[in-house]
PDB file of N, CA and C in Angstrom:
ATOM      1  N   UNK A   1       5.035  23.830  17.550  1.00  0.00           N
ATOM      2  CA  UNK A   1       4.278  22.914  18.377  1.00  0.00           C
ATOM      3  C   UNK A   1       4.869  21.505  18.230  1.00  0.00           C
ATOM      4  N   UNK A   2       4.318  20.701  17.320  1.00  0.00           N
ATOM      5  CA  UNK A   2       4.844  19.356  17.077  1.00  0.00           C
ATOM      6  C   UNK A   2       5.406  19.296  15.672  1.00  0.00           C
ATOM      7  N   UNK A   3       6.512  18.584  15.542  1.00  0.00           N
ATOM      8  CA  UNK A   3       7.082  18.361  14.224  1.00  0.00           C
ATOM      9  C   UNK A   3       6.482  17.101  13.617  1.00  0.00           C
ATOM     10  N   UNK A   4       6.874  16.828  12.393  1.00  0.00           N
ATOM     11  CA  UNK A   4       6.339  15.667  11.690  1.00  0.00           C
ATOM     12  C   UNK A   4       6.772  14.360  12.360  1.00  0.00           C
ATOM     13  N   UNK A   5       8.008  14.290  12.833  1.00  0.00           N
ATOM     14  CA  UNK A   5       8.492  13.057  13.460  1.00  0.00           C
ATOM     15  C   UNK A   5       7.763  12.770  14.777  1.00  0.00           C
ATOM     16  N   UNK A   6       7.489  13.808  15.550  1.00  0.00           N
ATOM     17  CA  UNK A   6       6.757  13.605  16.802  1.00  0.00           C
ATOM     18  C   UNK A   6       5.347  13.115  16.542  1.00  0.00           C
ATOM     19  N   UNK A   7       4.698  13.693  15.530  1.00  0.00           N
ATOM     20  CA  UNK A   7       3.340  13.246  15.193  1.00  0.00           C
ATOM     21  C   UNK A   7       3.337  11.800  14.716  1.00  0.00           C
ATOM     22  N   UNK A   8       4.362  11.411  13.958  1.00  0.00           N
ATOM     23  CA  UNK A   8       4.458  10.032  13.493  1.00  0.00           C
ATOM     24  C   UNK A   8       4.615   9.075  14.666  1.00  0.00           C
ATOM     25  N   UNK A   9       5.440   9.419  15.619  1.00  0.00           N
ATOM     26  CA  UNK A   9       5.640   8.571  16.806  1.00  0.00           C
ATOM     27  C   UNK A   9       4.348   8.462  17.599  1.00  0.00           C
ATOM     28  N   UNK A  10       3.667   9.567  17.784  1.00  0.00           N
ATOM     29  CA  UNK A  10       2.397   9.545  18.518  1.00  0.00           C
ATOM     30  C   UNK A  10       1.380   8.687  17.786  1.00  0.00           C
ATOM     31  N   UNK A  11       1.305   8.818  16.481  1.00  0.00           N
ATOM     32  CA  UNK A  11       0.369   8.021  15.694  1.00  0.00           C
ATOM     33  C   UNK A  11       0.676   6.534  15.819  1.00  0.00           C
ATOM     34  N   UNK A  12       1.930   6.163  15.750  1.00  0.00           N
ATOM     35  CA  UNK A  12       2.312   4.752  15.879  1.00  0.00           C
ATOM     36  C   UNK A  12       1.929   4.225  17.258  1.00  0.00           C
ATOM     37  N   UNK A  13       2.184   4.994  18.300  1.00  0.00           N
ATOM     38  CA  UNK A  13       1.844   4.567  19.658  1.00  0.00           C
ATOM     39  C   UNK A  13       0.343   4.389  19.799  1.00  0.00           C
ATOM     40  N   UNK A  14      -0.438   5.312  19.281  1.00  0.00           N
ATOM     41  CA  UNK A  14      -1.901   5.214  19.366  1.00  0.00           C
ATOM     42  C   UNK A  14      -2.392   3.980  18.615  1.00  0.00           C
ATOM     43  N   UNK A  15      -1.847   3.735  17.438  1.00  0.00           N
ATOM     44  CA  UNK A  15      -2.262   2.562  16.662  1.00  0.00           C
ATOM     45  C   UNK A  15      -1.940   1.282  17.413  1.00  0.00           C
ATOM     46  N   UNK A  16      -0.756   1.212  17.981  1.00  0.00           N
ATOM     47  CA  UNK A  16      -0.358   0.002  18.703  1.00  0.00           C
ATOM     48  C   UNK A  16      -1.211  -0.192  19.949  1.00  0.00           C
ATOM     49  N   UNK A  17      -1.443   0.868  20.698  1.00  0.00           N
ATOM     50  CA  UNK A  17      -2.202   0.746  21.950  1.00  0.00           C
ATOM     51  C   UNK A  17      -3.668   0.422  21.683  1.00  0.00           C
ATOM     52  N   UNK A  18      -4.278   1.130  20.762  1.00  0.00           N
ATOM     53  CA  UNK A  18      -5.707   0.942  20.526  1.00  0.00           C
ATOM     54  C   UNK A  18      -6.021  -0.217  19.596  1.00  0.00           C
ATOM     55  N   UNK A  19      -5.104  -0.535  18.708  1.00  0.00           N
ATOM     56  CA  UNK A  19      -5.423  -1.532  17.708  1.00  0.00           C
ATOM     57  C   UNK A  19      -4.565  -2.774  17.759  1.00  0.00           C
ATOM     58  N   UNK A  20      -4.034  -3.125  18.922  1.00  0.00           N
ATOM     59  CA  UNK A  20      -3.122  -4.260  19.033  1.00  0.00           C
ATOM     60  C   UNK A  20      -3.787  -5.558  18.582  1.00  0.00           C
ATOM     61  N   UNK A  21      -5.068  -5.711  18.794  1.00  0.00           N
ATOM     62  CA  UNK A  21      -5.767  -6.932  18.388  1.00  0.00           C
ATOM     63  C   UNK A  21      -6.031  -6.970  16.894  1.00  0.00           C
ATOM     64  N   UNK A  22      -6.119  -5.815  16.293  1.00  0.00           N
ATOM     65  CA  UNK A  22      -6.442  -5.750  14.871  1.00  0.00           C
ATOM     66  C   UNK A  22      -5.213  -5.640  13.972  1.00  0.00           C
ATOM     67  N   UNK A  23      -4.032  -5.542  14.537  1.00  0.00           N
ATOM     68  CA  UNK A  23      -2.828  -5.390  13.729  1.00  0.00           C
ATOM     69  C   UNK A  23      -2.615  -6.542  12.751  1.00  0.00           C
ATOM     70  N   UNK A  24      -2.772  -7.804  13.150  1.00  0.00           N
ATOM     71  CA  UNK A  24      -2.601  -8.887  12.169  1.00  0.00           C
ATOM     72  C   UNK A  24      -3.610  -8.801  11.017  1.00  0.00           C
ATOM     73  N   UNK A  25      -4.832  -8.459  11.345  1.00  0.00           N
ATOM     74  CA  UNK A  25      -5.868  -8.310  10.307  1.00  0.00           C
ATOM     75  C   UNK A  25      -5.527  -7.155   9.373  1.00  0.00           C
ATOM     76  N   UNK A  26      -5.055  -6.045   9.923  1.00  0.00           N
ATOM     77  CA  UNK A  26      -4.666  -4.904   9.101  1.00  0.00           C
ATOM     78  C   UNK A  26      -3.475  -5.241   8.216  1.00  0.00           C
ATOM     79  N   UNK A  27      -2.530  -5.999   8.748  1.00  0.00           N
ATOM     80  CA  UNK A  27      -1.364  -6.389   7.955  1.00  0.00           C
ATOM     81  C   UNK A  27      -1.783  -7.289   6.795  1.00  0.00           C
ATOM     82  N   UNK A  28      -2.692  -8.231   7.043  1.00  0.00           N
ATOM     83  CA  UNK A  28      -3.190  -9.102   5.966  1.00  0.00           C
ATOM     84  C   UNK A  28      -3.906  -8.285   4.902  1.00  0.00           C
ATOM     85  N   UNK A  29      -4.722  -7.353   5.334  1.00  0.00           N
ATOM     86  CA  UNK A  29      -5.443  -6.505   4.386  1.00  0.00           C
ATOM     87  C   UNK A  29      -4.479  -5.668   3.550  1.00  0.00           C
ATOM     88  N   UNK A  30      -3.460  -5.137   4.188  1.00  0.00           N
ATOM     89  CA  UNK A  30      -2.464  -4.345   3.454  1.00  0.00           C
ATOM     90  C   UNK A  30      -1.723  -5.223   2.456  1.00  0.00           C
ATOM     91  N   UNK A  31      -1.401  -6.444   2.826  1.00  0.00           N
ATOM     92  CA  UNK A  31      -0.732  -7.369   1.916  1.00  0.00           C
ATOM     93  C   UNK A  31      -1.598  -7.711   0.719  1.00  0.00           C
ATOM     94  N   UNK A  32      -2.867  -7.969   0.967  1.00  0.00           N
ATOM     95  CA  UNK A  32      -3.793  -8.266  -0.133  1.00  0.00           C
ATOM     96  C   UNK A  32      -3.920  -7.073  -1.069  1.00  0.00           C
ATOM     97  N   UNK A  33      -4.046  -5.890  -0.497  1.00  0.00           N
ATOM     98  CA  UNK A  33      -4.174  -4.687  -1.315  1.00  0.00           C
ATOM     99  C   UNK A  33      -2.927  -4.463  -2.155  1.00  0.00           C
ATOM    100  N   UNK A  34      -1.760  -4.724  -1.587  1.00  0.00           N
ATOM    101  CA  UNK A  34      -0.509  -4.569  -2.327  1.00  0.00           C
ATOM    102  C   UNK A  34      -0.438  -5.551  -3.481  1.00  0.00           C
ATOM    103  N   UNK A  35      -0.812  -6.809  -3.235  1.00  0.00           N
ATOM    104  CA  UNK A  35      -0.801  -7.818  -4.302  1.00  0.00           C
ATOM    105  C   UNK A  35      -1.761  -7.448  -5.421  1.00  0.00           C
ATOM    106  N   UNK A  36      -2.949  -6.976  -5.072  1.00  0.00           N
ATOM    107  CA  UNK A  36      -3.928  -6.575  -6.085  1.00  0.00           C
ATOM    108  C   UNK A  36      -3.395  -5.402  -6.894  1.00  0.00           C
ATOM    109  N   UNK A  37      -2.820  -4.418  -6.219  1.00  0.00           N
ATOM    110  CA  UNK A  37      -2.271  -3.249  -6.907  1.00  0.00           C
ATOM    111  C   UNK A  37      -1.158  -3.649  -7.872  1.00  0.00           C
ATOM    112  N   UNK A  38      -0.264  -4.528  -7.438  1.00  0.00           N
ATOM    113  CA  UNK A  38       0.827  -4.977  -8.302  1.00  0.00           C
ATOM    114  C   UNK A  38       0.293  -5.728  -9.511  1.00  0.00           C
ATOM    115  N   UNK A  39      -0.682  -6.607  -9.315  1.00  0.00           N
ATOM    116  CA  UNK A  39      -1.204  -7.378 -10.441  1.00  0.00           C
ATOM    117  C   UNK A  39      -1.943  -6.476 -11.431  1.00  0.00           C
ATOM    118  N   UNK A  40      -2.654  -5.490 -10.929  1.00  0.00           N
ATOM    119  CA  UNK A  40      -3.346  -4.562 -11.821  1.00  0.00           C
ATOM    120  C   UNK A  40      -2.347  -3.709 -12.601  1.00  0.00           C
ATOM    121  N   UNK A  41      -1.279  -3.287 -11.945  1.00  0.00           N
ATOM    122  CA  UNK A  41      -0.252  -2.491 -12.627  1.00  0.00           C
ATOM    123  C   UNK A  41       0.409  -3.330 -13.724  1.00  0.00           C
ATOM    124  N   UNK A  42       0.697  -4.605 -13.419  1.00  0.00           N
ATOM    125  CA  UNK A  42       1.285  -5.493 -14.432  1.00  0.00           C
ATOM    126  C   UNK A  42       0.340  -5.674 -15.613  1.00  0.00           C
ATOM    127  N   UNK A  43      -0.935  -5.887 -15.328  1.00  0.00           N
ATOM    128  CA  UNK A  43      -1.920  -6.077 -16.393  1.00  0.00           C
ATOM    129  C   UNK A  43      -2.020  -4.824 -17.260  1.00  0.00           C
ATOM    130  N   UNK A  44      -1.982  -3.663 -16.643  1.00  0.00           N
ATOM    131  CA  UNK A  44      -2.049  -2.407 -17.393  1.00  0.00           C
ATOM    132  C   UNK A  44      -0.828  -2.241 -18.287  1.00  0.00           C
ATOM    133  N   UNK A  45       0.350  -2.573 -17.778  1.00  0.00           N
ATOM    134  CA  UNK A  45       1.571  -2.485 -18.590  1.00  0.00           C
ATOM    135  C   UNK A  45       1.499  -3.431 -19.782  1.00  0.00           C
ATOM    136  N   UNK A  46       1.018  -4.657 -19.544  1.00  0.00           N
ATOM    137  CA  UNK A  46       0.905  -5.620 -20.636  1.00  0.00           C
ATOM    138  C   UNK A  46      -0.097  -5.147 -21.683  1.00  0.00           C
ATOM    139  N   UNK A  47      -1.196  -4.588 -21.225  1.00  0.00           N
ATOM    140  CA  UNK A  47      -2.214  -4.082 -22.149  1.00  0.00           C
ATOM    141  C   UNK A  47      -1.648  -2.941 -22.990  1.00  0.00           C
ATOM    142  N   UNK A  48      -0.944  -2.010 -22.364  1.00  0.00           N
ATOM    143  CA  UNK A  48      -0.339  -0.898 -23.097  1.00  0.00           C
ATOM    144  C   UNK A  48       0.694  -1.390 -24.090  1.00  0.00           C
ATOM    145  N   UNK A  49       1.483  -2.394 -23.689  1.00  0.00           N
ATOM    146  CA  UNK A  49       2.504  -2.938 -24.588  1.00  0.00           C
ATOM    147  C   UNK A  49       1.850  -3.626 -25.798  1.00  0.00           C
ATOM    148  N   UNK A  50       0.760  -4.357 -25.556  1.00  0.00           N
ATOM    149  CA  UNK A  50       0.065  -5.050 -26.654  1.00  0.00           C
ATOM    150  C   UNK A  50      -0.626  -4.084 -27.601  1.00  0.00           C
ATOM    151  N   UNK A  51      -1.126  -2.962 -27.073  1.00  0.00           N
ATOM    152  CA  UNK A  51      -1.848  -2.005 -27.892  1.00  0.00           C
ATOM    153  C   UNK A  51      -0.933  -1.001 -28.592  1.00  0.00           C
ATOM    154  N   UNK A  52       0.314  -0.929 -28.196  1.00  0.00           N
ATOM    155  CA  UNK A  52       1.242   0.028 -28.791  1.00  0.00           C
ATOM    156  C   UNK A  52       1.517  -0.338 -30.250  1.00  0.00           C
ATOM    157  N   UNK A  53       1.566   0.659 -31.118  1.00  0.00           N
ATOM    158  CA  UNK A  53       1.865   0.365 -32.534  1.00  0.00           C
ATOM    159  C   UNK A  53       3.305  -0.117 -32.672  1.00  0.00           C
ATOM    160  N   UNK A  54       3.553  -1.033 -33.602  1.00  0.00           N
ATOM    161  CA  UNK A  54       4.915  -1.537 -33.771  1.00  0.00           C
ATOM    162  C   UNK A  54       5.848  -0.439 -34.280  1.00  0.00           C
ATOM    163  N   UNK A  55       7.079  -0.484 -33.794  1.00  0.00           N
ATOM    164  CA  UNK A  55       8.072   0.505 -34.210  1.00  0.00           C
ATOM    165  C   UNK A  55       8.671   0.088 -35.537  1.00  0.00           C
ATOM    166  N   UNK A  56       8.976   1.077 -36.370  1.00  0.00           N
ATOM    167  CA  UNK A  56       9.581   0.780 -37.671  1.00  0.00           C
ATOM    168  C   UNK A  56      11.047   1.093 -37.684  1.00  0.00           C
TER     169      UNK A  56
END
């Protein structure tokens, strides 16, 4: 029937046609979510590094 690439193209077209007014808002939200995810990942790495027992 449809392959993965065809479905992706159809999905992109539907998003652009139906959500053209909301695209900037969605992009801002995605950017904020990415920044939050990166900062949380950094904080988790720092916490793990601080809690790790010292190597001998």
